[in-house]
Amino acid sequence: MEMIEHDEKKLQQMNKEKEKIILLSITRYGYAAMPQDYNFLRRHSLLNIYLEIVDRSMRGGDIRLLEKSVKSDASLHAASIQSDFSCLKEYKLSAGNKQAKLFLDDNCFYWRTFLSELKKKMP
């Protein structure tokens, strides 16, 4: 029972770390890194701006100001999540790069951001 509880806590922490990676990716890459997960976007107050970007893009409008805004908002939300990515790092080492990348939705932006964050943490 204790092992299952431990695994559940670890998975919750990994998901928290994943959310921070996604937000940091949006901070760096903007709209291109935004997931199409409306629950995630709503949870981080990014859904309305996402829909506005999609709408303007489809109409050929300028989205540069919206890009700046989404990057700024994502940065604020990322800063509110305390994490050193220790669970994701441990998962990467035990399961391998391929599985770790799959956990990050097999998204190149998220993977690059994760690797970049790991490099920052190296002594």
PDB file of N, CA and C in Angstrom:
ATOM      1  N   MET A   1       0.823  -1.202   0.000  1.00  0.00           N
ATOM      2  CA  MET A   1       0.000   0.000   0.000  1.00  0.00           C
ATOM      3  C   MET A   1       0.862   1.259   0.000  1.00  0.00           C
ATOM      4  N   GLU A   2       1.917   1.257   0.819  1.00  0.00           N
ATOM      5  CA  GLU A   2       2.792   2.419   0.911  1.00  0.00           C
ATOM      6  C   GLU A   2       3.509   2.672  -0.418  1.00  0.00           C
ATOM      7  N   MET A   3       3.907   1.593  -1.110  1.00  0.00           N
ATOM      8  CA  MET A   3       4.593   1.732  -2.396  1.00  0.00           C
ATOM      9  C   MET A   3       3.675   2.379  -3.426  1.00  0.00           C
ATOM     10  N   ILE A   4       2.413   1.976  -3.460  1.00  0.00           N
ATOM     11  CA  ILE A   4       1.449   2.551  -4.399  1.00  0.00           C
ATOM     12  C   ILE A   4       1.271   4.033  -4.111  1.00  0.00           C
ATOM     13  N   GLU A   5       1.176   4.379  -2.839  1.00  0.00           N
ATOM     14  CA  GLU A   5       1.031   5.776  -2.443  1.00  0.00           C
ATOM     15  C   GLU A   5       2.263   6.575  -2.861  1.00  0.00           C
ATOM     16  N   HIS A   6       3.445   5.971  -2.676  1.00  0.00           N
ATOM     17  CA  HIS A   6       4.693   6.622  -3.077  1.00  0.00           C
ATOM     18  C   HIS A   6       4.706   6.852  -4.589  1.00  0.00           C
ATOM     19  N   ASP A   7       4.330   5.820  -5.352  1.00  0.00           N
ATOM     20  CA  ASP A   7       4.289   5.935  -6.810  1.00  0.00           C
ATOM     21  C   ASP A   7       3.296   7.002  -7.254  1.00  0.00           C
ATOM     22  N   GLU A   8       2.158   7.071  -6.578  1.00  0.00           N
ATOM     23  CA  GLU A   8       1.137   8.072  -6.909  1.00  0.00           C
ATOM     24  C   GLU A   8       1.672   9.481  -6.661  1.00  0.00           C
ATOM     25  N   LYS A   9       2.365   9.666  -5.555  1.00  0.00           N
ATOM     26  CA  LYS A   9       2.954  10.978  -5.250  1.00  0.00           C
ATOM     27  C   LYS A   9       4.018  11.347  -6.277  1.00  0.00           C
ATOM     28  N   LYS A  10       4.806  10.350  -6.670  1.00  0.00           N
ATOM     29  CA  LYS A  10       5.854  10.593  -7.665  1.00  0.00           C
ATOM     30  C   LYS A  10       5.230  10.985  -9.010  1.00  0.00           C
ATOM     31  N   LEU A  11       4.163  10.297  -9.395  1.00  0.00           N
ATOM     32  CA  LEU A  11       3.482  10.618 -10.648  1.00  0.00           C
ATOM     33  C   LEU A  11       2.875  12.020 -10.588  1.00  0.00           C
ATOM     34  N   GLN A  12       2.299  12.378  -9.451  1.00  0.00           N
ATOM     35  CA  GLN A  12       1.764  13.733  -9.287  1.00  0.00           C
ATOM     36  C   GLN A  12       2.871  14.770  -9.428  1.00  0.00           C
ATOM     37  N   GLN A  13       4.032  14.495  -8.840  1.00  0.00           N
ATOM     38  CA  GLN A  13       5.164  15.420  -8.944  1.00  0.00           C
ATOM     39  C   GLN A  13       5.659  15.498 -10.384  1.00  0.00           C
ATOM     40  N   MET A  14       5.716  14.366 -11.070  1.00  0.00           N
ATOM     41  CA  MET A  14       6.139  14.368 -12.477  1.00  0.00           C
ATOM     42  C   MET A  14       5.177  15.201 -13.320  1.00  0.00           C
ATOM     43  N   ASN A  15       3.880  15.077 -13.062  1.00  0.00           N
ATOM     44  CA  ASN A  15       2.898  15.866 -13.810  1.00  0.00           C
ATOM     45  C   ASN A  15       3.036  17.354 -13.513  1.00  0.00           C
ATOM     46  N   LYS A  16       3.348  17.686 -12.272  1.00  0.00           N
ATOM     47  CA  LYS A  16       3.591  19.081 -11.896  1.00  0.00           C
ATOM     48  C   LYS A  16       4.822  19.616 -12.640  1.00  0.00           C
ATOM     49  N   GLU A  17       5.872  18.811 -12.683  1.00  0.00           N
ATOM     50  CA  GLU A  17       7.088  19.201 -13.395  1.00  0.00           C
ATOM     51  C   GLU A  17       6.816  19.341 -14.892  1.00  0.00           C
ATOM     52  N   LYS A  18       5.998  18.458 -15.429  1.00  0.00           N
ATOM     53  CA  LYS A  18       5.627  18.533 -16.846  1.00  0.00           C
ATOM     54  C   LYS A  18       4.883  19.837 -17.128  1.00  0.00           C
ATOM     55  N   GLU A  19       3.970  20.221 -16.248  1.00  0.00           N
ATOM     56  CA  GLU A  19       3.238  21.483 -16.432  1.00  0.00           C
ATOM     57  C   GLU A  19       4.206  22.658 -16.468  1.00  0.00           C
ATOM     58  N   LYS A  20       5.191  22.638 -15.580  1.00  0.00           N
ATOM     59  CA  LYS A  20       6.168  23.730 -15.569  1.00  0.00           C
ATOM     60  C   LYS A  20       6.974  23.732 -16.867  1.00  0.00           C
ATOM     61  N   ILE A  21       7.364  22.562 -17.355  1.00  0.00           N
ATOM     62  CA  ILE A  21       8.102  22.470 -18.622  1.00  0.00           C
ATOM     63  C   ILE A  21       7.263  23.045 -19.760  1.00  0.00           C
ATOM     64  N   ILE A  22       5.986  22.706 -19.805  1.00  0.00           N
ATOM     65  CA  ILE A  22       5.104  23.225 -20.857  1.00  0.00           C
ATOM     66  C   ILE A  22       5.015  24.744 -20.763  1.00  0.00           C
ATOM     67  N   LEU A  23       4.842  25.270 -19.563  1.00  0.00           N
ATOM     68  CA  LEU A  23       4.757  26.725 -19.388  1.00  0.00           C
ATOM     69  C   LEU A  23       6.069  27.410 -19.767  1.00  0.00           C
ATOM     70  N   LEU A  24       7.196  26.815 -19.401  1.00  0.00           N
ATOM     71  CA  LEU A  24       8.489  27.383 -19.794  1.00  0.00           C
ATOM     72  C   LEU A  24       8.664  27.335 -21.314  1.00  0.00           C
ATOM     73  N   SER A  25       8.156  26.287 -21.937  1.00  0.00           N
ATOM     74  CA  SER A  25       8.218  26.178 -23.402  1.00  0.00           C
ATOM     75  C   SER A  25       7.387  27.269 -24.060  1.00  0.00           C
ATOM     76  N   ILE A  26       6.208  27.522 -23.520  1.00  0.00           N
ATOM     77  CA  ILE A  26       5.363  28.595 -24.051  1.00  0.00           C
ATOM     78  C   ILE A  26       6.069  29.935 -23.869  1.00  0.00           C
ATOM     79  N   THR A  27       6.737  30.114 -22.728  1.00  0.00           N
ATOM     80  CA  THR A  27       7.495  31.338 -22.473  1.00  0.00           C
ATOM     81  C   THR A  27       8.571  31.538 -23.537  1.00  0.00           C
ATOM     82  N   ARG A  28       9.222  30.469 -23.948  1.00  0.00           N
ATOM     83  CA  ARG A  28      10.304  30.552 -24.940  1.00  0.00           C
ATOM     84  C   ARG A  28       9.802  30.597 -26.377  1.00  0.00           C
ATOM     85  N   TYR A  29       8.839  29.747 -26.704  1.00  0.00           N
ATOM     86  CA  TYR A  29       8.452  29.548 -28.103  1.00  0.00           C
ATOM     87  C   TYR A  29       7.083  30.110 -28.466  1.00  0.00           C
ATOM     88  N   GLY A  30       6.340  30.573 -27.489  1.00  0.00           N
ATOM     89  CA  GLY A  30       5.049  31.187 -27.763  1.00  0.00           C
ATOM     90  C   GLY A  30       3.978  30.203 -28.187  1.00  0.00           C
ATOM     91  N   TYR A  31       3.121  30.683 -29.061  1.00  0.00           N
ATOM     92  CA  TYR A  31       1.942  29.935 -29.508  1.00  0.00           C
ATOM     93  C   TYR A  31       2.294  28.534 -30.012  1.00  0.00           C
ATOM     94  N   ALA A  32       3.417  28.401 -30.706  1.00  0.00           N
ATOM     95  CA  ALA A  32       3.801  27.110 -31.283  1.00  0.00           C
ATOM     96  C   ALA A  32       3.930  26.012 -30.227  1.00  0.00           C
ATOM     97  N   ALA A  33       4.228  26.392 -29.001  1.00  0.00           N
ATOM     98  CA  ALA A  33       4.408  25.406 -27.929  1.00  0.00           C
ATOM     99  C   ALA A  33       3.153  25.194 -27.090  1.00  0.00           C
ATOM    100  N   MET A  34       2.089  25.907 -27.410  1.00  0.00           N
ATOM    101  CA  MET A  34       0.868  25.775 -26.607  1.00  0.00           C
ATOM    102  C   MET A  34       0.164  24.454 -26.917  1.00  0.00           C
ATOM    103  N   PRO A  35      -0.187  23.706 -25.873  1.00  0.00           N
ATOM    104  CA  PRO A  35      -0.921  22.463 -26.111  1.00  0.00           C
ATOM    105  C   PRO A  35      -2.369  22.772 -26.502  1.00  0.00           C
ATOM    106  N   GLN A  36      -3.001  21.823 -27.150  1.00  0.00           N
ATOM    107  CA  GLN A  36      -4.411  21.991 -27.498  1.00  0.00           C
ATOM    108  C   GLN A  36      -5.297  21.406 -26.402  1.00  0.00           C
ATOM    109  N   ASP A  37      -4.756  21.308 -25.225  1.00  0.00           N
ATOM    110  CA  ASP A  37      -5.462  20.796 -24.053  1.00  0.00           C
ATOM    111  C   ASP A  37      -6.172  21.964 -23.371  1.00  0.00           C
ATOM    112  N   TYR A  38      -7.465  22.081 -23.613  1.00  0.00           N
ATOM    113  CA  TYR A  38      -8.223  23.214 -23.078  1.00  0.00           C
ATOM    114  C   TYR A  38      -8.236  23.239 -21.554  1.00  0.00           C
ATOM    115  N   ASN A  39      -8.203  22.071 -20.923  1.00  0.00           N
ATOM    116  CA  ASN A  39      -8.161  22.040 -19.454  1.00  0.00           C
ATOM    117  C   ASN A  39      -6.875  22.673 -18.935  1.00  0.00           C
ATOM    118  N   PHE A  40      -5.756  22.321 -19.561  1.00  0.00           N
ATOM    119  CA  PHE A  40      -4.468  22.916 -19.185  1.00  0.00           C
ATOM    120  C   PHE A  40      -4.504  24.424 -19.404  1.00  0.00           C
ATOM    121  N   LEU A  41      -4.945  24.833 -20.584  1.00  0.00           N
ATOM    122  CA  LEU A  41      -4.984  26.264 -20.912  1.00  0.00           C
ATOM    123  C   LEU A  41      -5.904  27.021 -19.962  1.00  0.00           C
ATOM    124  N   ARG A  42      -7.030  26.444 -19.643  1.00  0.00           N
ATOM    125  CA  ARG A  42      -7.976  27.079 -18.716  1.00  0.00           C
ATOM    126  C   ARG A  42      -7.369  27.171 -17.315  1.00  0.00           C
ATOM    127  N   ARG A  43      -6.729  26.105 -16.874  1.00  0.00           N
ATOM    128  CA  ARG A  43      -6.125  26.058 -15.540  1.00  0.00           C
ATOM    129  C   ARG A  43      -5.071  27.159 -15.361  1.00  0.00           C
ATOM    130  N   HIS A  44      -4.410  27.515 -16.450  1.00  0.00           N
ATOM    131  CA  HIS A  44      -3.356  28.533 -16.381  1.00  0.00           C
ATOM    132  C   HIS A  44      -3.796  29.861 -17.011  1.00  0.00           C
ATOM    133  N   SER A  45      -5.099  30.021 -17.171  1.00  0.00           N
ATOM    134  CA  SER A  45      -5.691  31.269 -17.697  1.00  0.00           C
ATOM    135  C   SER A  45      -5.121  31.655 -19.060  1.00  0.00           C
ATOM    136  N   LEU A  46      -4.905  30.664 -19.910  1.00  0.00           N
ATOM    137  CA  LEU A  46      -4.353  30.908 -21.241  1.00  0.00           C
ATOM    138  C   LEU A  46      -5.335  30.571 -22.364  1.00  0.00           C
ATOM    139  N   LEU A  47      -6.506  30.064 -22.017  1.00  0.00           N
ATOM    140  CA  LEU A  47      -7.443  29.608 -23.046  1.00  0.00           C
ATOM    141  C   LEU A  47      -7.938  30.750 -23.924  1.00  0.00           C
ATOM    142  N   ASN A  48      -8.349  31.857 -23.332  1.00  0.00           N
ATOM    143  CA  ASN A  48      -8.887  32.962 -24.132  1.00  0.00           C
ATOM    144  C   ASN A  48      -7.861  33.510 -25.110  1.00  0.00           C
ATOM    145  N   ILE A  49      -6.642  33.678 -24.648  1.00  0.00           N
ATOM    146  CA  ILE A  49      -5.606  34.210 -25.539  1.00  0.00           C
ATOM    147  C   ILE A  49      -5.263  33.190 -26.633  1.00  0.00           C
ATOM    148  N   TYR A  50      -5.287  31.905 -26.293  1.00  0.00           N
ATOM    149  CA  TYR A  50      -5.063  30.855 -27.287  1.00  0.00           C
ATOM    150  C   TYR A  50      -6.121  30.933 -28.389  1.00  0.00           C
ATOM    151  N   LEU A  51      -7.380  31.028 -27.976  1.00  0.00           N
ATOM    152  CA  LEU A  51      -8.471  31.097 -28.956  1.00  0.00           C
ATOM    153  C   LEU A  51      -8.378  32.366 -29.800  1.00  0.00           C
ATOM    154  N   GLU A  52      -7.951  33.463 -29.188  1.00  0.00           N
ATOM    155  CA  GLU A  52      -7.780  34.718 -29.930  1.00  0.00           C
ATOM    156  C   GLU A  52      -6.650  34.594 -30.957  1.00  0.00           C
ATOM    157  N   ILE A  53      -5.569  33.948 -30.574  1.00  0.00           N
ATOM    158  CA  ILE A  53      -4.457  33.734 -31.511  1.00  0.00           C
ATOM    159  C   ILE A  53      -4.915  32.876 -32.683  1.00  0.00           C
ATOM    160  N   VAL A  54      -5.630  31.800 -32.391  1.00  0.00           N
ATOM    161  CA  VAL A  54      -6.131  30.918 -33.455  1.00  0.00           C
ATOM    162  C   VAL A  54      -7.043  31.705 -34.391  1.00  0.00           C
ATOM    163  N   ASP A  55      -7.963  32.476 -33.823  1.00  0.00           N
ATOM    164  CA  ASP A  55      -8.903  33.260 -34.624  1.00  0.00           C
ATOM    165  C   ASP A  55      -8.173  34.265 -35.514  1.00  0.00           C
ATOM    166  N   ARG A  56      -7.264  35.022 -34.931  1.00  0.00           N
ATOM    167  CA  ARG A  56      -6.526  36.024 -35.723  1.00  0.00           C
ATOM    168  C   ARG A  56      -5.651  35.375 -36.782  1.00  0.00           C
ATOM    169  N   SER A  57      -5.032  34.265 -36.442  1.00  0.00           N
ATOM    170  CA  SER A  57      -4.182  33.557 -37.406  1.00  0.00           C
ATOM    171  C   SER A  57      -4.994  33.091 -38.604  1.00  0.00           C
ATOM    172  N   MET A  58      -6.174  32.568 -38.333  1.00  0.00           N
ATOM    173  CA  MET A  58      -7.026  32.072 -39.417  1.00  0.00           C
ATOM    174  C   MET A  58      -7.505  33.203 -40.317  1.00  0.00           C
ATOM    175  N   ARG A  59      -7.610  34.407 -39.761  1.00  0.00           N
ATOM    176  CA  ARG A  59      -8.044  35.560 -40.556  1.00  0.00           C
ATOM    177  C   ARG A  59      -6.861  36.345 -41.124  1.00  0.00           C
ATOM    178  N   GLY A  60      -5.651  35.823 -40.911  1.00  0.00           N
ATOM    179  CA  GLY A  60      -4.462  36.484 -41.442  1.00  0.00           C
ATOM    180  C   GLY A  60      -4.048  37.715 -40.654  1.00  0.00           C
ATOM    181  N   GLY A  61      -4.517  37.823 -39.422  1.00  0.00           N
ATOM    182  CA  GLY A  61      -4.203  38.988 -38.596  1.00  0.00           C
ATOM    183  C   GLY A  61      -2.840  38.892 -37.933  1.00  0.00           C
ATOM    184  N   ASP A  62      -2.408  40.011 -37.398  1.00  0.00           N
ATOM    185  CA  ASP A  62      -1.126  40.102 -36.701  1.00  0.00           C
ATOM    186  C   ASP A  62      -1.287  39.554 -35.278  1.00  0.00           C
ATOM    187  N   ILE A  63      -0.429  38.623 -34.913  1.00  0.00           N
ATOM    188  CA  ILE A  63      -0.534  38.020 -33.575  1.00  0.00           C
ATOM    189  C   ILE A  63       0.680  38.344 -32.698  1.00  0.00           C
ATOM    190  N   ARG A  64       1.540  39.248 -33.135  1.00  0.00           N
ATOM    191  CA  ARG A  64       2.770  39.527 -32.380  1.00  0.00           C
ATOM    192  C   ARG A  64       2.498  39.993 -30.951  1.00  0.00           C
ATOM    193  N   LEU A  65       1.538  40.884 -30.769  1.00  0.00           N
ATOM    194  CA  LEU A  65       1.227  41.354 -29.414  1.00  0.00           C
ATOM    195  C   LEU A  65       0.637  40.234 -28.562  1.00  0.00           C
ATOM    196  N   LEU A  66      -0.184  39.399 -29.189  1.00  0.00           N
ATOM    197  CA  LEU A  66      -0.748  38.257 -28.465  1.00  0.00           C
ATOM    198  C   LEU A  66       0.354  37.267 -28.069  1.00  0.00           C
ATOM    199  N   GLU A  67       1.332  37.086 -28.961  1.00  0.00           N
ATOM    200  CA  GLU A  67       2.477  36.207 -28.659  1.00  0.00           C
ATOM    201  C   GLU A  67       3.230  36.728 -27.437  1.00  0.00           C
ATOM    202  N   LYS A  68       3.484  38.036 -27.413  1.00  0.00           N
ATOM    203  CA  LYS A  68       4.173  38.634 -26.261  1.00  0.00           C
ATOM    204  C   LYS A  68       3.380  38.404 -24.985  1.00  0.00           C
ATOM    205  N   SER A  69       2.094  38.595 -25.083  1.00  0.00           N
ATOM    206  CA  SER A  69       1.219  38.445 -23.929  1.00  0.00           C
ATOM    207  C   SER A  69       1.199  37.008 -23.422  1.00  0.00           C
ATOM    208  N   VAL A  70       1.091  36.048 -24.328  1.00  0.00           N
ATOM    209  CA  VAL A  70       1.028  34.641 -23.908  1.00  0.00           C
ATOM    210  C   VAL A  70       2.360  34.214 -23.290  1.00  0.00           C
ATOM    211  N   LYS A  71       3.470  34.707 -23.830  1.00  0.00           N
ATOM    212  CA  LYS A  71       4.782  34.385 -23.258  1.00  0.00           C
ATOM    213  C   LYS A  71       4.900  34.947 -21.844  1.00  0.00           C
ATOM    214  N   SER A  72       4.453  36.171 -21.675  1.00  0.00           N
ATOM    215  CA  SER A  72       4.508  36.821 -20.365  1.00  0.00           C
ATOM    216  C   SER A  72       3.625  36.095 -19.345  1.00  0.00           C
ATOM    217  N   ASP A  73       2.400  35.788 -19.747  1.00  0.00           N
ATOM    218  CA  ASP A  73       1.472  35.084 -18.849  1.00  0.00           C
ATOM    219  C   ASP A  73       2.011  33.702 -18.459  1.00  0.00           C
ATOM    220  N   ALA A  74       2.547  32.978 -19.442  1.00  0.00           N
ATOM    221  CA  ALA A  74       3.090  31.645 -19.169  1.00  0.00           C
ATOM    222  C   ALA A  74       4.280  31.738 -18.217  1.00  0.00           C
ATOM    223  N   SER A  75       5.082  32.768 -18.380  1.00  0.00           N
ATOM    224  CA  SER A  75       6.233  32.971 -17.501  1.00  0.00           C
ATOM    225  C   SER A  75       5.794  33.156 -16.050  1.00  0.00           C
ATOM    226  N   LEU A  76       4.747  33.943 -15.851  1.00  0.00           N
ATOM    227  CA  LEU A  76       4.229  34.165 -14.497  1.00  0.00           C
ATOM    228  C   LEU A  76       3.711  32.868 -13.877  1.00  0.00           C
ATOM    229  N   HIS A  77       3.000  32.089 -14.675  1.00  0.00           N
ATOM    230  CA  HIS A  77       2.458  30.823 -14.164  1.00  0.00           C
ATOM    231  C   HIS A  77       3.582  29.822 -13.881  1.00  0.00           C
ATOM    232  N   ALA A  78       4.597  29.796 -14.755  1.00  0.00           N
ATOM    233  CA  ALA A  78       5.730  28.882 -14.544  1.00  0.00           C
ATOM    234  C   ALA A  78       6.465  29.229 -13.253  1.00  0.00           C
ATOM    235  N   ALA A  79       6.615  30.517 -12.989  1.00  0.00           N
ATOM    236  CA  ALA A  79       7.328  30.958 -11.780  1.00  0.00           C
ATOM    237  C   ALA A  79       6.598  30.540 -10.505  1.00  0.00           C
ATOM    238  N   SER A  80       5.300  30.329 -10.613  1.00  0.00           N
ATOM    239  CA  SER A  80       4.522  29.960  -9.423  1.00  0.00           C
ATOM    240  C   SER A  80       4.633  28.474  -9.078  1.00  0.00           C
ATOM    241  N   ILE A  81       5.230  27.686  -9.963  1.00  0.00           N
ATOM    242  CA  ILE A  81       5.388  26.247  -9.722  1.00  0.00           C
ATOM    243  C   ILE A  81       6.822  25.976  -9.269  1.00  0.00           C
ATOM    244  N   GLN A  82       6.969  25.573  -8.025  1.00  0.00           N
ATOM    245  CA  GLN A  82       8.294  25.263  -7.487  1.00  0.00           C
ATOM    246  C   GLN A  82       8.690  23.851  -7.911  1.00  0.00           C
ATOM    247  N   SER A  83       9.827  23.742  -8.595  1.00  0.00           N
ATOM    248  CA  SER A  83      10.275  22.431  -9.042  1.00  0.00           C
ATOM    249  C   SER A  83      11.729  22.486  -9.480  1.00  0.00           C
ATOM    250  N   ASP A  84      12.456  21.423  -9.175  1.00  0.00           N
ATOM    251  CA  ASP A  84      13.829  21.294  -9.668  1.00  0.00           C
ATOM    252  C   ASP A  84      13.916  20.178 -10.716  1.00  0.00           C
ATOM    253  N   PHE A  85      12.774  19.645 -11.111  1.00  0.00           N
ATOM    254  CA  PHE A  85      12.654  18.603 -12.139  1.00  0.00           C
ATOM    255  C   PHE A  85      13.333  17.296 -11.733  1.00  0.00           C
ATOM    256  N   SER A  86      13.464  17.066 -10.435  1.00  0.00           N
ATOM    257  CA  SER A  86      14.157  15.863  -9.966  1.00  0.00           C
ATOM    258  C   SER A  86      13.432  14.575 -10.362  1.00  0.00           C
ATOM    259  N   CYS A  87      12.111  14.570 -10.325  1.00  0.00           N
ATOM    260  CA  CYS A  87      11.369  13.349 -10.701  1.00  0.00           C
ATOM    261  C   CYS A  87      11.483  13.062 -12.193  1.00  0.00           C
ATOM    262  N   LEU A  88      11.375  14.097 -13.015  1.00  0.00           N
ATOM    263  CA  LEU A  88      11.522  13.889 -14.462  1.00  0.00           C
ATOM    264  C   LEU A  88      12.948  13.475 -14.812  1.00  0.00           C
ATOM    265  N   LYS A  89      13.907  14.052 -14.124  1.00  0.00           N
ATOM    266  CA  LYS A  89      15.305  13.683 -14.362  1.00  0.00           C
ATOM    267  C   LYS A  89      15.517  12.215 -14.001  1.00  0.00           C
ATOM    268  N   GLU A  90      14.994  11.813 -12.843  1.00  0.00           N
ATOM    269  CA  GLU A  90      15.104  10.416 -12.409  1.00  0.00           C
ATOM    270  C   GLU A  90      14.418   9.486 -13.414  1.00  0.00           C
ATOM    271  N   TYR A  91      13.243   9.892 -13.905  1.00  0.00           N
ATOM    272  CA  TYR A  91      12.515   9.088 -14.890  1.00  0.00           C
ATOM    273  C   TYR A  91      13.321   8.966 -16.181  1.00  0.00           C
ATOM    274  N   LYS A  92      13.922  10.056 -16.612  1.00  0.00           N
ATOM    275  CA  LYS A  92      14.753  10.056 -17.826  1.00  0.00           C
ATOM    276  C   LYS A  92      15.913   9.080 -17.670  1.00  0.00           C
ATOM    277  N   LEU A  93      16.549   9.096 -16.505  1.00  0.00           N
ATOM    278  CA  LEU A  93      17.688   8.208 -16.271  1.00  0.00           C
ATOM    279  C   LEU A  93      17.273   6.743 -16.179  1.00  0.00           C
ATOM    280  N   SER A  94      16.122   6.468 -15.580  1.00  0.00           N
ATOM    281  CA  SER A  94      15.697   5.074 -15.408  1.00  0.00           C
ATOM    282  C   SER A  94      14.975   4.509 -16.632  1.00  0.00           C
ATOM    283  N   ALA A  95      14.133   5.298 -17.266  1.00  0.00           N
ATOM    284  CA  ALA A  95      13.323   4.797 -18.386  1.00  0.00           C
ATOM    285  C   ALA A  95      13.945   5.094 -19.749  1.00  0.00           C
ATOM    286  N   GLY A  96      14.853   6.050 -19.791  1.00  0.00           N
ATOM    287  CA  GLY A  96      15.501   6.399 -21.048  1.00  0.00           C
ATOM    288  C   GLY A  96      14.890   7.630 -21.703  1.00  0.00           C
ATOM    289  N   ASN A  97      15.647   8.173 -22.647  1.00  0.00           N
ATOM    290  CA  ASN A  97      15.228   9.399 -23.332  1.00  0.00           C
ATOM    291  C   ASN A  97      13.904   9.247 -24.068  1.00  0.00           C
ATOM    292  N   LYS A  98      13.740   8.119 -24.751  1.00  0.00           N
ATOM    293  CA  LYS A  98      12.534   7.917 -25.560  1.00  0.00           C
ATOM    294  C   LYS A  98      11.273   7.966 -24.692  1.00  0.00           C
ATOM    295  N   GLN A  99      11.292   7.256 -23.569  1.00  0.00           N
ATOM    296  CA  GLN A  99      10.126   7.241 -22.678  1.00  0.00           C
ATOM    297  C   GLN A  99       9.904   8.608 -22.035  1.00  0.00           C
ATOM    298  N   ALA A 100      10.989   9.269 -21.674  1.00  0.00           N
ATOM    299  CA  ALA A 100      10.863  10.602 -21.071  1.00  0.00           C
ATOM    300  C   ALA A 100      10.263  11.580 -22.076  1.00  0.00           C
ATOM    301  N   LYS A 101      10.701  11.487 -23.325  1.00  0.00           N
ATOM    302  CA  LYS A 101      10.151  12.368 -24.366  1.00  0.00           C
ATOM    303  C   LYS A 101       8.673  12.054 -24.595  1.00  0.00           C
ATOM    304  N   LEU A 102       8.313  10.784 -24.573  1.00  0.00           N
ATOM    305  CA  LEU A 102       6.898  10.404 -24.714  1.00  0.00           C
ATOM    306  C   LEU A 102       6.071  10.969 -23.566  1.00  0.00           C
ATOM    307  N   PHE A 103       6.629  10.953 -22.352  1.00  0.00           N
ATOM    308  CA  PHE A 103       5.919  11.516 -21.203  1.00  0.00           C
ATOM    309  C   PHE A 103       5.666  13.009 -21.411  1.00  0.00           C
ATOM    310  N   LEU A 104       6.577  13.664 -22.114  1.00  0.00           N
ATOM    311  CA  LEU A 104       6.422  15.091 -22.426  1.00  0.00           C
ATOM    312  C   LEU A 104       5.654  15.269 -23.738  1.00  0.00           C
ATOM    313  N   ASP A 105       4.742  14.371 -23.991  1.00  0.00           N
ATOM    314  CA  ASP A 105       3.851  14.394 -25.161  1.00  0.00           C
ATOM    315  C   ASP A 105       4.599  14.292 -26.485  1.00  0.00           C
ATOM    316  N   ASP A 106       5.825  13.766 -26.443  1.00  0.00           N
ATOM    317  CA  ASP A 106       6.654  13.625 -27.643  1.00  0.00           C
ATOM    318  C   ASP A 106       6.763  14.959 -28.384  1.00  0.00           C
ATOM    319  N   ASN A 107       6.845  16.031 -27.616  1.00  0.00           N
ATOM    320  CA  ASN A 107       6.863  17.386 -28.165  1.00  0.00           C
ATOM    321  C   ASN A 107       8.298  17.921 -28.133  1.00  0.00           C
ATOM    322  N   CYS A 108       8.812  18.308 -29.293  1.00  0.00           N
ATOM    323  CA  CYS A 108      10.203  18.783 -29.392  1.00  0.00           C
ATOM    324  C   CYS A 108      10.449  20.040 -28.559  1.00  0.00           C
ATOM    325  N   PHE A 109       9.477  20.941 -28.507  1.00  0.00           N
ATOM    326  CA  PHE A 109       9.643  22.153 -27.696  1.00  0.00           C
ATOM    327  C   PHE A 109       9.803  21.794 -26.219  1.00  0.00           C
ATOM    328  N   TYR A 110       8.965  20.894 -25.746  1.00  0.00           N
ATOM    329  CA  TYR A 110       9.005  20.503 -24.338  1.00  0.00           C
ATOM    330  C   TYR A 110      10.309  19.773 -24.023  1.00  0.00           C
ATOM    331  N   TRP A 111      10.730  18.908 -24.939  1.00  0.00           N
ATOM    332  CA  TRP A 111      11.961  18.145 -24.739  1.00  0.00           C
ATOM    333  C   TRP A 111      13.170  19.083 -24.685  1.00  0.00           C
ATOM    334  N   ARG A 112      13.257  20.020 -25.637  1.00  0.00           N
ATOM    335  CA  ARG A 112      14.373  20.983 -25.646  1.00  0.00           C
ATOM    336  C   ARG A 112      14.395  21.810 -24.367  1.00  0.00           C
ATOM    337  N   THR A 113      13.227  22.241 -23.940  1.00  0.00           N
ATOM    338  CA  THR A 113      13.139  23.041 -22.716  1.00  0.00           C
ATOM    339  C   THR A 113      13.583  22.217 -21.516  1.00  0.00           C
ATOM    340  N   PHE A 114      13.143  20.983 -21.440  1.00  0.00           N
ATOM    341  CA  PHE A 114      13.531  20.097 -20.340  1.00  0.00           C
ATOM    342  C   PHE A 114      15.045  19.915 -20.302  1.00  0.00           C
ATOM    343  N   LEU A 115      15.650  19.612 -21.443  1.00  0.00           N
ATOM    344  CA  LEU A 115      17.102  19.425 -21.488  1.00  0.00           C
ATOM    345  C   LEU A 115      17.833  20.707 -21.100  1.00  0.00           C
ATOM    346  N   SER A 116      17.317  21.823 -21.549  1.00  0.00           N
ATOM    347  CA  SER A 116      17.908  23.116 -21.201  1.00  0.00           C
ATOM    348  C   SER A 116      17.843  23.360 -19.692  1.00  0.00           C
ATOM    349  N   GLU A 117      16.719  23.032 -19.089  1.00  0.00           N
ATOM    350  CA  GLU A 117      16.567  23.198 -17.637  1.00  0.00           C
ATOM    351  C   GLU A 117      17.511  22.263 -16.877  1.00  0.00           C
ATOM    352  N   LEU A 118      17.699  21.054 -17.381  1.00  0.00           N
ATOM    353  CA  LEU A 118      18.630  20.128 -16.732  1.00  0.00           C
ATOM    354  C   LEU A 118      20.055  20.666 -16.792  1.00  0.00           C
ATOM    355  N   LYS A 119      20.436  21.248 -17.922  1.00  0.00           N
ATOM    356  CA  LYS A 119      21.784  21.821 -18.056  1.00  0.00           C
ATOM    357  C   LYS A 119      21.996  22.953 -17.062  1.00  0.00           C
ATOM    358  N   LYS A 120      20.966  23.755 -16.832  1.00  0.00           N
ATOM    359  CA  LYS A 120      21.068  24.853 -15.865  1.00  0.00           C
ATOM    360  C   LYS A 120      21.331  24.330 -14.461  1.00  0.00           C
ATOM    361  N   LYS A 121      20.800  23.151 -14.153  1.00  0.00           N
ATOM    362  CA  LYS A 121      20.899  22.585 -12.806  1.00  0.00           C
ATOM    363  C   LYS A 121      22.207  21.831 -12.572  1.00  0.00           C
ATOM    364  N   MET A 122      22.990  21.626 -13.639  1.00  0.00           N
ATOM    365  CA  MET A 122      24.239  20.872 -13.496  1.00  0.00           C
ATOM    366  C   MET A 122      25.261  21.699 -12.714  1.00  0.00           C
ATOM    367  N   PRO A 123      26.037  21.021 -11.856  1.00  0.00           N
ATOM    368  CA  PRO A 123      27.051  21.748 -11.073  1.00  0.00           C
ATOM    369  C   PRO A 123      28.225  22.184 -11.921  1.00  0.00           C
TER     370      PRO A 123
END
